Amino acid sequence: MKSLWILALMAVCQLAALAADASGTWKASLETPNGTMENTFTLKVDGDKLTGTVTMGQMGDAPISEGKVDGDNVSFAVVREFNGNQFRINYKGKVSGDEMKLNGEVVGMDRTFEMTAKRAK
């Protein structure tokens, strides 16, 4: 019985080691009605916590909040200001190697979008 627990613990540790690392700088483009917007995500993982910043085109940097990591899955929020109005974007995504697929939702505006970010080298 004791050896079964040891094997189970080893399996869990191996799965955790295989989880993708979201830490680093990621770049993505998003097509908007006003043209292409370049996005840079600078992320840091500490356990299951995700912190960092997002740079959206000429809007500059904004800190992420509520960042979480669960295996290959990430989620976080960004609050931005544009023309004196604040808006929140909720992101959910999945990391696979040097690629991160993200879904974004602009809260209260019924707008969603998808983007693929590539790890900057």
Protein backbone atom coordinates (compact mmCIF):
# COMPACT_ATOMS: atom_id res chain seq x y z
CA MET A 1 0.00 0.00 0.00
CA LYS A 2 2.84 2.38 0.87
CA SER A 3 4.49 1.83 -2.52
CA LEU A 4 1.19 2.64 -4.26
CA TRP A 5 1.12 6.07 -2.56
CA ILE A 6 4.72 6.69 -3.56
CA LEU A 7 3.93 5.84 -7.20
CA ALA A 8 0.88 8.11 -7.15
CA LEU A 9 2.94 10.97 -5.70
CA MET A 10 5.63 10.47 -8.35
CA ALA A 11 2.98 10.57 -11.11
CA VAL A 12 1.56 13.85 -9.78
CA CYS A 13 5.05 15.38 -9.63
CA GLN A 14 5.76 14.31 -13.21
CA LEU A 15 2.51 15.87 -14.44
CA ALA A 16 3.38 19.13 -12.68
CA ALA A 17 6.80 19.12 -14.32
CA LEU A 18 5.18 18.71 -17.74
CA ALA A 19 2.95 21.76 -17.31
CA ALA A 20 3.81 24.57 -19.69
CA ASP A 21 5.60 27.61 -18.29
CA ALA A 22 3.79 30.88 -19.00
CA SER A 23 6.67 32.99 -17.62
CA GLY A 24 8.33 35.31 -20.11
CA THR A 25 7.47 37.79 -22.81
CA TRP A 26 4.76 36.98 -25.34
CA LYS A 27 3.78 38.92 -28.46
CA ALA A 28 0.47 38.88 -30.31
CA SER A 29 -1.38 40.93 -32.92
CA LEU A 30 -5.08 41.68 -32.86
CA GLU A 31 -7.03 42.94 -35.87
CA THR A 32 -9.40 45.76 -34.86
CA PRO A 33 -11.67 48.08 -36.87
CA ASN A 34 -8.91 50.69 -36.45
CA GLY A 35 -6.15 48.41 -37.73
CA THR A 36 -3.70 45.96 -36.18
CA MET A 37 -2.96 46.33 -32.47
CA GLU A 38 0.30 44.86 -31.21
CA ASN A 39 0.12 43.32 -27.72
CA THR A 40 2.98 42.31 -25.43
CA PHE A 41 2.37 40.17 -22.36
CA THR A 42 5.18 40.10 -19.79
CA LEU A 43 4.28 37.32 -17.35
CA LYS A 44 5.76 35.78 -14.22
CA VAL A 45 4.55 32.56 -12.62
CA ASP A 46 5.00 31.84 -8.91
CA GLY A 47 3.26 28.59 -8.03
CA ASP A 48 -0.34 29.03 -9.18
CA LYS A 49 -0.13 32.84 -9.19
CA LEU A 50 0.37 34.83 -12.40
CA THR A 51 1.57 38.44 -12.35
CA GLY A 52 2.86 40.84 -14.97
CA THR A 53 1.89 43.54 -17.42
CA VAL A 54 0.16 43.89 -20.76
CA THR A 55 1.17 46.49 -23.35
CA MET A 56 -1.58 47.20 -25.87
CA GLY A 57 -0.41 49.23 -28.84
CA GLN A 58 0.02 52.91 -28.01
CA MET A 59 -2.06 52.57 -24.83
CA GLY A 60 1.05 51.61 -22.85
CA ASP A 61 1.47 49.16 -19.96
CA ALA A 62 -1.18 47.97 -17.54
CA PRO A 63 -0.76 45.50 -14.68
CA ILE A 64 -2.63 42.24 -14.74
CA SER A 65 -4.78 41.25 -11.78
CA GLU A 66 -6.41 38.06 -10.56
CA GLY A 67 -3.78 36.03 -12.43
CA LYS A 68 -3.96 32.26 -12.03
CA VAL A 69 -2.17 29.25 -13.49
CA ASP A 70 -3.63 25.75 -13.52
CA GLY A 71 -1.36 23.40 -15.45
CA ASP A 72 -1.31 24.75 -19.02
CA ASN A 73 -4.27 27.08 -18.41
CA VAL A 74 -3.91 30.77 -17.52
CA SER A 75 -6.42 33.43 -16.61
CA PHE A 76 -6.09 37.09 -15.68
CA ALA A 77 -7.78 40.47 -15.94
CA VAL A 78 -6.60 43.87 -17.15
CA VAL A 79 -8.28 47.20 -16.41
CA ARG A 80 -7.59 49.89 -19.02
CA GLU A 81 -8.63 53.47 -19.53
CA PHE A 82 -9.49 54.93 -22.93
CA ASN A 83 -10.91 58.41 -23.55
CA GLY A 84 -11.66 58.82 -19.85
CA ASN A 85 -13.56 55.53 -19.60
CA GLN A 86 -12.38 52.45 -17.75
CA PHE A 87 -12.94 48.99 -19.16
CA ARG A 88 -11.96 45.51 -18.06
CA ILE A 89 -10.73 42.66 -20.21
CA ASN A 90 -10.85 39.10 -18.86
CA TYR A 91 -8.36 36.72 -20.49
CA LYS A 92 -8.36 32.92 -20.48
CA GLY A 93 -5.88 30.85 -22.37
CA LYS A 94 -3.75 27.78 -22.79
CA VAL A 95 0.02 27.58 -23.12
CA SER A 96 1.55 24.98 -25.42
CA GLY A 97 5.32 25.27 -25.79
CA ASP A 98 6.13 28.67 -27.29
CA GLU A 99 2.51 29.45 -28.17
CA MET A 100 -0.33 30.77 -26.00
CA LYS A 101 -3.89 30.86 -27.31
CA LEU A 102 -5.94 33.53 -25.54
CA ASN A 103 -9.64 34.36 -25.47
CA GLY A 104 -10.53 37.84 -24.29
CA GLU A 105 -13.82 39.30 -23.12
CA VAL A 106 -14.41 43.04 -22.84
CA VAL A 107 -16.71 43.10 -19.80
CA GLY A 108 -19.97 44.99 -20.22
CA MET A 109 -19.51 45.53 -23.96
CA ASP A 110 -20.49 42.06 -25.20
CA ARG A 111 -17.24 41.80 -27.17
CA THR A 112 -14.93 38.82 -27.34
CA PHE A 113 -11.79 38.11 -29.32
CA GLU A 114 -9.16 35.43 -29.85
CA MET A 115 -5.44 35.79 -30.35
CA THR A 116 -2.36 33.63 -30.46
CA ALA A 117 0.73 34.92 -28.67
CA LYS A 118 4.22 33.68 -29.46
CA ARG A 119 7.01 33.57 -26.91
CA ALA A 120 9.55 36.30 -27.69
CA LYS A 121 13.07 34.98 -28.16
